[in-house]
Protein backbone atom coordinates (compact mmCIF):
# COMPACT_ATOMS: atom_id res chain seq x y z
CA MET A 1 -46.71 -116.30 -104.44
CA ALA A 2 -46.63 -113.74 -107.13
CA SER A 3 -46.10 -110.26 -106.16
CA SER A 4 -49.35 -108.31 -105.23
CA THR A 5 -50.63 -104.92 -103.70
CA LEU A 6 -52.01 -105.06 -100.15
CA ARG A 7 -55.49 -104.56 -101.52
CA ASP A 8 -55.91 -107.25 -103.83
CA LEU A 9 -55.22 -110.27 -101.77
CA PRO A 10 -58.11 -112.67 -100.87
CA ALA A 11 -59.29 -112.51 -97.28
CA ALA A 12 -57.98 -115.92 -96.38
CA THR A 13 -54.57 -115.58 -97.81
CA VAL A 14 -51.62 -116.72 -95.68
CA LEU A 15 -48.26 -114.97 -96.31
CA ALA A 16 -45.03 -116.45 -95.90
CA PRO A 17 -41.99 -114.37 -94.80
CA ASP A 18 -40.49 -114.33 -98.45
CA ASP A 19 -43.79 -113.47 -100.30
CA LEU A 20 -43.67 -110.03 -101.91
CA LEU A 21 -46.14 -107.09 -101.60
CA TYR A 22 -46.11 -103.64 -102.73
CA VAL A 23 -45.67 -101.10 -99.98
CA VAL A 24 -45.15 -97.38 -99.51
CA THR A 25 -41.32 -96.49 -98.98
CA PRO A 26 -39.49 -93.20 -99.13
CA ASP A 27 -38.53 -94.29 -102.69
CA GLY A 28 -42.22 -94.71 -103.65
CA ASP A 29 -44.18 -98.02 -104.03
CA ARG A 30 -41.88 -101.00 -104.32
CA LYS A 31 -41.75 -104.81 -103.81
CA VAL A 32 -40.57 -105.79 -100.42
CA SER A 33 -40.88 -109.16 -98.70
CA VAL A 34 -43.20 -110.00 -95.75
CA SER A 35 -41.36 -110.46 -92.44
CA THR A 36 -44.43 -111.73 -90.42
CA LEU A 37 -47.64 -113.51 -91.04
CA THR A 38 -51.16 -111.98 -91.28
CA SER A 39 -53.13 -111.23 -88.05
CA GLY A 40 -55.47 -113.77 -86.48
CA ALA A 41 -58.17 -112.14 -88.54
CA GLY A 42 -56.73 -113.31 -91.78
CA SER A 43 -55.94 -109.87 -93.18
CA ILE A 44 -53.07 -107.66 -93.86
CA GLN A 45 -52.50 -105.58 -90.79
CA TYR A 46 -49.90 -103.15 -92.21
CA ASP A 47 -51.99 -101.01 -94.48
CA ILE A 48 -54.82 -98.28 -93.70
CA GLY A 49 -57.52 -100.73 -94.42
CA THR A 50 -60.82 -100.50 -96.17
CA ALA A 51 -63.16 -97.60 -95.52
CA GLY A 52 -66.20 -98.88 -93.57
CA THR A 53 -64.67 -102.09 -92.29
CA ILE A 54 -63.41 -102.99 -88.87
CA GLY A 55 -59.71 -101.88 -88.54
CA PHE A 56 -59.83 -99.12 -90.95
CA GLY A 57 -57.80 -95.94 -90.18
CA VAL A 58 -54.97 -97.33 -88.08
CA ALA A 59 -52.53 -100.14 -88.79
CA ALA A 60 -50.01 -102.49 -87.16
CA ILE A 61 -46.26 -101.48 -87.51
CA PRO A 62 -43.61 -104.01 -88.34
CA ASP A 63 -41.32 -104.72 -85.45
CA SER A 64 -38.46 -103.56 -87.42
CA MET A 65 -39.79 -100.09 -87.73
CA LEU A 66 -40.75 -99.63 -84.12
CA PRO A 67 -38.55 -97.13 -82.51
CA VAL A 68 -36.20 -98.40 -79.78
CA GLY A 69 -37.75 -98.20 -76.30
CA TRP A 70 -41.27 -98.20 -77.59
CA THR A 71 -43.77 -101.15 -76.74
CA LYS A 72 -46.78 -102.71 -78.69
CA LEU A 73 -49.85 -103.07 -76.60
CA SER A 74 -51.40 -106.56 -76.45
CA GLY A 75 -53.43 -107.12 -79.61
CA HIS A 76 -51.47 -104.54 -81.47
CA ASN A 77 -51.33 -106.82 -84.65
CA ASP A 78 -55.12 -107.80 -84.66
CA ARG A 79 -57.41 -105.70 -86.68
CA THR A 80 -60.25 -106.62 -84.50
CA HIS A 81 -58.56 -105.83 -81.26
CA GLN A 82 -59.28 -102.57 -79.15
CA ASN A 83 -55.46 -101.93 -79.21
CA PHE A 84 -54.70 -102.48 -82.98
CA GLY A 85 -52.06 -100.29 -84.02
CA ASN A 86 -51.55 -98.87 -80.42
CA VAL A 87 -48.36 -98.41 -78.67
CA VAL A 88 -46.73 -96.89 -75.60
CA ASP A 89 -43.72 -94.68 -76.08
CA PRO A 90 -40.90 -94.29 -73.44
CA ASN A 91 -42.68 -91.46 -71.75
CA GLY A 92 -45.52 -93.63 -71.10
CA SER A 93 -47.80 -92.08 -73.76
CA VAL A 94 -50.23 -94.22 -75.78
CA MET A 95 -49.92 -93.43 -79.42
CA VAL A 96 -51.56 -94.67 -82.52
CA TRP A 97 -49.80 -95.70 -85.78
CA ILE A 98 -51.36 -94.14 -88.99
CA PRO A 99 -49.73 -95.60 -92.10
CA ALA A 100 -49.30 -93.72 -95.36
CA PHE A 101 -52.30 -93.47 -97.52
CA TYR A 102 -53.43 -92.01 -100.78
CA PHE A 103 -56.63 -90.13 -101.26
CA ARG A 104 -58.90 -88.83 -104.09
CA TRP A 105 -61.75 -86.31 -103.60
CA ASP A 106 -64.45 -86.76 -106.53
CA ALA A 107 -66.65 -83.71 -105.70
CA ASN A 108 -67.61 -84.73 -102.03
CA ALA A 109 -67.02 -88.38 -102.47
CA LEU A 110 -63.52 -89.35 -100.80
CA SER A 111 -61.76 -92.41 -101.57
CA ILE A 112 -58.82 -93.73 -99.56
CA SER A 113 -56.27 -96.30 -100.65
CA SER A 114 -52.99 -97.74 -99.22
CA THR A 115 -51.33 -97.88 -102.74
CA TRP A 116 -51.11 -95.45 -105.54
CA GLN A 117 -54.00 -95.60 -108.07
CA GLU A 118 -54.75 -93.44 -111.01
CA GLY A 119 -56.17 -89.96 -109.87
CA PHE A 120 -54.96 -90.45 -106.17
CA VAL A 121 -52.25 -88.56 -104.28
CA LEU A 122 -50.28 -89.21 -101.29
CA HIS A 123 -51.42 -87.12 -98.34
CA ARG A 124 -49.07 -84.37 -97.25
CA ALA A 125 -48.92 -85.67 -93.83
CA PHE A 126 -46.42 -88.42 -94.93
CA ILE A 127 -44.06 -86.23 -96.76
CA ASP A 128 -41.13 -84.78 -94.43
CA ASP A 129 -37.53 -83.93 -94.76
CA GLY A 130 -38.11 -84.11 -98.53
CA GLU A 131 -38.98 -87.67 -98.31
CA VAL A 132 -42.07 -90.02 -98.33
CA LYS A 133 -42.45 -91.42 -94.66
CA SER A 134 -44.13 -94.88 -93.96
CA GLY A 135 -46.64 -93.15 -91.36
CA PHE A 136 -46.72 -91.38 -88.28
CA PHE A 137 -47.46 -91.99 -84.66
CA VAL A 138 -49.97 -89.58 -82.93
CA ASP A 139 -51.12 -89.38 -79.31
CA LYS A 140 -54.28 -91.20 -78.77
CA TYR A 141 -55.58 -88.59 -76.36
CA GLY A 142 -55.07 -84.88 -75.63
CA CYS A 143 -51.97 -84.39 -73.58
CA GLY A 144 -51.84 -83.88 -69.70
CA ILE A 145 -49.12 -83.52 -67.35
CA VAL A 146 -47.57 -86.54 -65.48
CA SER A 147 -44.50 -86.33 -63.44
CA GLY A 148 -43.51 -83.02 -65.24
CA LYS A 149 -43.90 -84.88 -68.68
CA PHE A 150 -46.29 -83.94 -71.55
CA VAL A 151 -48.09 -87.19 -71.99
CA ALA A 152 -51.04 -88.87 -73.46
CA GLN A 153 -52.87 -90.95 -71.17
CA GLN A 154 -56.44 -91.83 -70.63
CA GLY A 155 -58.30 -90.35 -67.65
CA ILE A 156 -56.24 -87.31 -66.86
CA ASP A 157 -56.75 -83.38 -66.94
CA PRO A 158 -55.60 -82.02 -70.21
CA ALA A 159 -52.97 -79.51 -70.07
CA SER A 160 -53.72 -75.83 -71.18
CA THR A 161 -51.91 -72.64 -71.87
CA ALA A 162 -53.35 -70.71 -69.10
CA ALA A 163 -52.21 -70.50 -65.60
CA ALA A 164 -55.74 -71.24 -64.26
CA HIS A 165 -55.90 -74.73 -65.82
CA ASN A 166 -53.13 -77.37 -65.56
CA PRO A 167 -50.69 -75.13 -67.34
CA ILE A 168 -48.00 -76.32 -69.68
CA SER A 169 -45.44 -74.27 -67.79
CA ALA A 170 -45.58 -76.78 -64.86
CA LEU A 171 -43.79 -79.25 -67.27
CA THR A 172 -40.14 -79.81 -66.35
CA ALA A 173 -39.36 -78.11 -69.60
CA ALA A 174 -41.16 -75.13 -68.49
CA PRO A 175 -42.41 -73.73 -71.79
CA ALA A 176 -44.39 -70.32 -71.82
CA ASN A 177 -48.02 -70.50 -71.13
CA ASN A 178 -49.09 -69.54 -74.55
CA TYR A 179 -50.06 -71.24 -77.82
CA GLY A 180 -46.35 -71.10 -79.24
CA GLY A 181 -45.23 -72.80 -75.91
CA LEU A 182 -46.83 -75.98 -77.13
CA TYR A 183 -44.09 -76.61 -79.69
CA ALA A 184 -41.51 -76.85 -76.76
CA ALA A 185 -44.08 -78.89 -74.85
CA ALA A 186 -44.41 -81.61 -77.52
CA ALA A 187 -40.73 -81.46 -78.37
CA SER A 188 -39.93 -82.14 -74.64
CA ARG A 189 -40.91 -85.72 -75.01
CA GLY A 190 -37.59 -86.37 -76.79
CA SER A 191 -35.88 -86.59 -80.20
CA GLY A 192 -38.38 -87.08 -83.06
CA PHE A 193 -41.37 -85.83 -81.31
CA SER A 194 -43.25 -82.69 -82.45
CA LEU A 195 -46.60 -80.84 -82.42
CA PRO A 196 -48.68 -82.53 -84.82
CA SER A 197 -48.95 -80.78 -88.44
CA ILE A 198 -52.19 -79.44 -89.79
CA PHE A 199 -51.71 -82.08 -92.46
CA MET A 200 -51.83 -84.79 -89.78
CA TYR A 201 -55.12 -83.44 -88.39
CA ASN A 202 -56.52 -83.17 -91.93
CA ALA A 203 -55.47 -86.90 -92.56
CA LEU A 204 -57.43 -87.99 -89.51
CA ALA A 205 -60.41 -85.85 -90.67
CA MET A 206 -60.45 -87.37 -94.02
CA LEU A 207 -60.22 -90.97 -92.66
CA ALA A 208 -63.22 -90.19 -90.27
CA TYR A 209 -65.12 -88.71 -93.17
CA ALA A 210 -64.43 -91.57 -95.64
CA HIS A 211 -64.99 -94.27 -92.84
CA GLY A 212 -68.44 -92.61 -91.91
CA LYS A 213 -69.71 -92.42 -95.26
CA ALA A 214 -68.76 -96.15 -96.12
CA ALA A 215 -69.61 -97.92 -92.83
CA VAL A 216 -73.01 -99.66 -92.57
CA SER A 217 -72.46 -101.28 -89.23
CA THR A 218 -71.86 -99.64 -85.86
CA ALA A 219 -69.49 -102.50 -85.03
CA ALA A 220 -67.21 -101.07 -87.74
CA CYS A 221 -67.92 -97.40 -86.90
CA ALA A 222 -69.77 -96.64 -83.75
CA TYR A 223 -70.49 -93.02 -84.50
CA ILE A 224 -72.73 -93.52 -87.62
CA ASP A 225 -75.91 -94.06 -85.79
CA VAL A 226 -76.44 -90.32 -85.08
CA LEU A 227 -75.85 -87.61 -87.60
CA PRO A 228 -73.45 -86.29 -88.43
CA LYS A 229 -71.54 -89.67 -89.32
CA MET A 230 -68.54 -88.10 -87.79
CA PRO A 231 -66.64 -88.58 -84.33
CA LYS A 232 -68.51 -87.25 -81.32
CA GLY A 233 -66.98 -85.03 -78.40
CA ASN A 234 -67.30 -83.15 -75.35
CA ASN A 235 -68.87 -79.98 -76.92
CA ASN A 236 -72.03 -78.98 -75.35
CA ASN A 237 -70.86 -77.27 -72.18
CA ALA A 238 -72.47 -80.03 -70.17
CA LEU A 239 -70.14 -82.96 -70.74
CA LYS A 240 -72.16 -84.37 -73.71
CA ASP A 241 -71.99 -84.31 -77.34
CA GLY A 242 -74.06 -81.55 -78.87
CA ASN A 243 -75.46 -83.79 -81.54
CA ASP A 244 -75.65 -87.20 -79.65
CA ALA A 245 -76.68 -86.67 -76.09
CA SER A 246 -76.03 -90.54 -75.53
CA VAL A 247 -72.21 -89.70 -75.43
CA THR A 248 -71.13 -88.55 -72.06
CA PHE A 249 -67.76 -87.53 -70.41
CA THR A 250 -66.33 -87.42 -66.89
CA ALA A 251 -65.51 -84.03 -65.61
CA SER A 252 -61.95 -83.17 -65.21
CA GLY A 253 -62.74 -80.58 -62.35
CA TYR A 254 -62.12 -77.47 -64.32
CA SER A 255 -65.22 -75.95 -65.81
CA ASN A 256 -66.93 -78.42 -68.17
CA CYS A 257 -63.59 -79.76 -69.32
CA ALA A 258 -63.36 -83.55 -69.41
CA LEU A 259 -60.83 -86.15 -68.49
CA THR A 260 -58.89 -87.20 -71.53
CA GLY A 261 -60.33 -90.12 -73.40
CA SER A 262 -63.32 -90.30 -70.99
CA GLY A 263 -66.20 -90.49 -73.58
CA VAL A 264 -68.77 -93.23 -73.28
CA PRO A 265 -69.30 -95.08 -75.54
CA PHE A 266 -65.55 -94.50 -76.18
CA ALA A 267 -65.56 -95.76 -79.83
CA LYS A 268 -67.92 -93.04 -80.63
CA THR A 269 -65.27 -90.31 -79.89
CA THR A 270 -62.50 -91.77 -81.93
CA HIS A 271 -61.52 -90.96 -85.67
CA ASN A 272 -62.39 -94.29 -86.90
CA GLY A 273 -65.38 -95.15 -84.54
CA GLN A 274 -63.41 -97.95 -82.82
CA ALA A 275 -61.61 -98.43 -79.60
CA CYS A 276 -58.31 -98.54 -81.39
CA GLY A 277 -58.64 -95.02 -82.83
CA VAL A 278 -57.53 -91.46 -81.88
CA ALA A 279 -59.76 -89.76 -79.43
CA ASP A 280 -60.67 -86.34 -78.33
CA LEU A 281 -60.47 -84.68 -81.88
CA ASN A 282 -63.91 -83.04 -81.42
CA GLY A 283 -64.26 -80.56 -78.49
CA ASN A 284 -62.98 -80.69 -75.06
CA ILE A 285 -60.01 -78.51 -75.71
CA TRP A 286 -58.71 -76.70 -78.88
CA GLU A 287 -55.40 -78.15 -80.09
CA VAL A 288 -52.57 -76.03 -81.72
CA ALA A 289 -51.44 -77.51 -84.96
CA SER A 290 -47.87 -76.87 -86.64
CA GLY A 291 -47.01 -76.38 -90.30
CA PHE A 292 -49.55 -73.48 -91.14
CA VAL A 293 -48.90 -69.84 -90.17
CA LYS A 294 -49.30 -66.26 -91.46
CA PHE A 295 -46.76 -63.44 -91.42
CA GLY A 296 -48.51 -60.00 -91.51
CA ALA A 297 -52.30 -59.19 -91.19
CA ALA A 298 -52.69 -57.13 -94.38
CA ASP A 299 -53.78 -59.67 -96.74
CA ALA A 300 -54.88 -63.30 -97.37
CA VAL A 301 -51.55 -64.70 -97.99
CA PHE A 302 -50.62 -67.53 -95.43
CA ALA A 303 -47.75 -69.88 -95.14
CA VAL A 304 -47.49 -73.57 -95.39
CA LEU A 305 -44.35 -75.66 -94.27
CA LYS A 306 -42.08 -76.69 -97.03
CA GLN A 307 -41.89 -80.44 -97.81
CA SER A 308 -38.02 -80.30 -97.37
CA VAL A 309 -38.44 -79.35 -93.60
CA THR A 310 -38.04 -81.83 -90.89
CA LEU A 311 -41.20 -81.52 -88.68
CA SER A 312 -39.42 -82.72 -85.59
CA SER A 313 -36.62 -79.99 -85.94
CA ILE A 314 -39.24 -77.30 -84.96
CA GLN A 315 -38.81 -77.24 -81.23
CA THR A 316 -39.82 -73.75 -80.39
CA ASP A 317 -41.99 -70.85 -81.61
CA SER A 318 -38.91 -68.70 -82.59
CA THR A 319 -38.99 -66.38 -85.52
CA THR A 320 -35.33 -67.43 -86.48
CA GLY A 321 -33.09 -70.41 -86.48
CA GLY A 322 -35.61 -73.00 -87.64
CA GLY A 323 -38.39 -72.03 -85.09
CA ALA A 324 -42.03 -72.33 -85.97
CA TYR A 325 -42.26 -68.76 -87.13
CA ASP A 326 -39.13 -68.72 -89.05
CA PRO A 327 -40.36 -67.62 -92.49
CA THR A 328 -37.41 -69.39 -94.34
CA LEU A 329 -39.30 -72.77 -93.39
CA TYR A 330 -42.35 -71.93 -95.38
CA ASP A 331 -44.01 -71.66 -98.82
CA SER A 332 -46.65 -68.85 -99.42
CA LEU A 333 -50.30 -70.10 -99.69
CA ASP A 334 -52.49 -67.50 -101.27
CA LEU A 335 -55.89 -67.72 -99.79
CA THR A 336 -57.37 -64.64 -101.49
CA GLY A 337 -61.09 -65.02 -102.01
CA ILE A 338 -61.23 -68.03 -99.55
CA ILE A 339 -60.23 -66.62 -96.09
CA VAL A 340 -61.43 -63.21 -95.50
CA ALA A 341 -60.38 -60.67 -92.85
CA ASP A 342 -63.05 -61.45 -90.08
CA THR A 343 -65.98 -63.90 -90.47
CA THR A 344 -67.22 -67.14 -89.26
CA THR A 345 -68.53 -69.82 -91.66
CA LYS A 346 -69.03 -73.71 -91.70
CA PHE A 347 -67.82 -76.49 -93.88
CA GLY A 348 -70.20 -77.55 -96.73
CA ASN A 349 -72.37 -75.53 -98.98
CA GLY A 350 -75.42 -77.75 -100.22
CA SER A 351 -74.10 -79.81 -102.98
CA GLU A 352 -70.99 -77.66 -103.85
CA THR A 353 -67.51 -79.34 -103.84
CA VAL A 354 -65.85 -78.47 -100.50
CA PHE A 355 -62.09 -79.51 -101.07
CA GLU A 356 -60.20 -79.06 -104.40
CA MET A 357 -58.42 -82.06 -105.76
CA SER A 358 -54.97 -81.96 -107.27
CA THR A 359 -52.54 -84.93 -107.77
CA ASP A 360 -49.72 -82.25 -108.07
CA VAL A 361 -47.94 -82.17 -104.60
CA THR A 362 -46.36 -78.72 -105.56
CA SER A 363 -49.62 -77.13 -106.36
CA GLN A 364 -51.66 -74.61 -104.32
CA ALA A 365 -54.72 -76.74 -104.40
CA TYR A 366 -52.93 -79.85 -102.86
CA LYS A 367 -51.44 -77.75 -100.19
CA LYS A 368 -54.77 -76.17 -99.39
CA THR A 369 -56.72 -79.37 -99.25
CA CYS A 370 -54.05 -81.04 -97.09
CA SER A 371 -54.24 -78.03 -94.75
CA GLY A 372 -58.11 -78.42 -94.38
CA ILE A 373 -58.76 -75.20 -96.55
CA PRO A 374 -61.94 -75.43 -98.43
CA LEU A 375 -63.02 -73.99 -101.72
CA ALA A 376 -64.43 -70.43 -101.81
CA ASN A 377 -67.83 -72.07 -102.57
CA GLY A 378 -67.27 -75.10 -100.18
CA LYS A 379 -68.31 -73.20 -97.08
CA SER A 380 -71.36 -71.47 -95.89
CA VAL A 381 -72.93 -69.82 -92.86
CA GLY A 382 -75.09 -73.08 -92.10
CA GLY A 383 -72.60 -75.60 -93.51
CA THR A 384 -73.73 -79.17 -94.28
CA THR A 385 -74.57 -82.21 -92.01
CA ASP A 386 -72.08 -84.30 -94.07
CA PHE A 387 -69.07 -82.21 -93.08
CA GLY A 388 -70.49 -82.01 -89.52
CA SER A 389 -71.36 -78.26 -89.90
CA ASP A 390 -67.81 -77.77 -88.48
CA TYR A 391 -66.91 -74.40 -87.75
CA LEU A 392 -64.13 -72.21 -89.86
CA ARG A 393 -63.14 -68.96 -88.02
CA GLU A 394 -61.65 -66.88 -90.72
CA TYR A 395 -59.25 -64.09 -89.92
CA TRP A 396 -55.91 -62.27 -91.11
CA ARG A 397 -53.66 -62.53 -88.03
CA ASP A 398 -49.91 -61.82 -88.02
CA GLN A 399 -48.15 -64.99 -86.48
CA MET A 400 -51.50 -66.98 -86.63
CA ALA A 401 -51.58 -70.20 -84.63
CA PRO A 402 -54.16 -72.61 -86.16
CA MET A 403 -56.40 -74.33 -83.81
CA VAL A 404 -58.42 -77.46 -84.58
CA GLY A 405 -61.30 -79.38 -83.08
CA GLY A 406 -63.24 -76.96 -80.83
CA HIS A 407 -63.59 -76.93 -76.99
CA TRP A 408 -66.22 -78.09 -74.27
CA ALA A 409 -68.60 -75.22 -74.88
CA HIS A 410 -68.35 -74.83 -78.64
CA GLY A 411 -71.56 -76.89 -79.59
CA SER A 412 -72.12 -78.95 -82.47
CA PRO A 413 -69.88 -76.74 -84.95
CA ALA A 414 -66.81 -78.55 -83.07
CA GLY A 415 -65.54 -81.33 -85.12
CA VAL A 416 -62.72 -82.94 -86.84
CA PHE A 417 -62.58 -80.39 -89.62
CA THR A 418 -63.00 -77.42 -87.28
CA LEU A 419 -60.28 -74.78 -87.97
CA ASN A 420 -59.76 -71.62 -86.06
CA LEU A 421 -57.41 -69.02 -87.75
CA HIS A 422 -58.30 -66.16 -85.23
CA THR A 423 -55.41 -66.56 -82.69
CA ALA A 424 -51.84 -65.81 -82.52
CA ARG A 425 -48.83 -67.52 -80.76
CA PRO A 426 -48.60 -65.11 -77.82
CA HIS A 427 -52.25 -65.92 -76.94
CA SER A 428 -53.13 -68.20 -74.13
CA SER A 429 -56.52 -69.84 -73.11
CA ASP A 430 -57.68 -72.41 -70.35
CA ALA A 431 -59.37 -74.23 -73.32
CA VAL A 432 -56.35 -74.66 -75.63
CA GLY A 433 -53.92 -77.36 -75.40
CA GLY A 434 -52.32 -79.94 -77.73
CA ARG A 435 -50.54 -83.37 -78.33
CA ALA A 436 -47.48 -84.96 -79.82
CA SER A 437 -46.64 -86.77 -83.01
CA TYR A 438 -43.73 -88.83 -84.22
CA LEU A 439 -42.96 -89.44 -87.91
CA VAL A 440 -41.21 -92.79 -89.13
């Protein structure tokens, strides 16, 4: 077979181990031989897929890339299976493989590609330690505590940063009960684990948005039957979704917090509207993200993680020595005119473009967009349905700890683009926790 990209092969193509395909590698796109055959569905299972179709938004990982001690769940290689792209790490956490992808915003139309195309750019979530990474694993559910470990499993009470509600200080690693303590909580899973970056959360939000826009069948994307065409979540303070009352959750026993991954129908609560996707990204509890901070409260200059930094090296919230608040790890990000001192807005503003597009990975525009920061005219008091009317809490806070997703009482403004810049690393809350990630 002549060499091809992953996107231009006919659906019925059968690949032999020596066939060549273009794939994303740390050196850019290049031709490599295929080590396994296609899945039973007759499609390539290692790329991000096609928005609007079954299997989009996650992927299988080749056996040769799977970390030692990790296990693929049954059905991992089958795009049609509920466990497609799902694995279990050595701690017993269920994680989902998100392969590297390129994107292009054209006004508010978003295109996703597994390979580079003219006008597209690799998402910042896949740049780490100065290299292009093949993808990242992210916890399928918000983390709870099992046998002293910070783990992602279905049907457990999510951990929080307050003593009153399943505190992270109860972990064997005993991190502080505050937002900064979540760095140590995630790192306690072992070498290579880290608190997910703001870029990873934005990548998941982009995938959800593109998929909801493209899908025409609830079999491919369960959440499109009720607007907004975005993942649903526990956010109405009564164990339901504020937009779709048919989506219900199981109480955790604390306030109106739900057990992890307890949404029914479950597929409506994942980033790709399928059972194989990443859940709990809308509501239930806020999640703290890494890679985006602020030093000082006098102006609108924030800070974004340098591409040369290794995310997993950030194991604490220290202000020195490579901790999450060490200024040497960051580039400045000037949000003057975009993020003001104290206000609340929502994503979307009529037909105005929400996110700026740049193919220059060193540009401020690229860094803003991959951090989920809209254009000054891309937000408004009411927001738009297309972007879920997701909430943006603007603030100038020294040692800011960005929170994403919303919580169980946040209502319809909770969602995958939701971003809260009001809080700082010493703060704590019974409705704030997190999850873990692992770059490959």
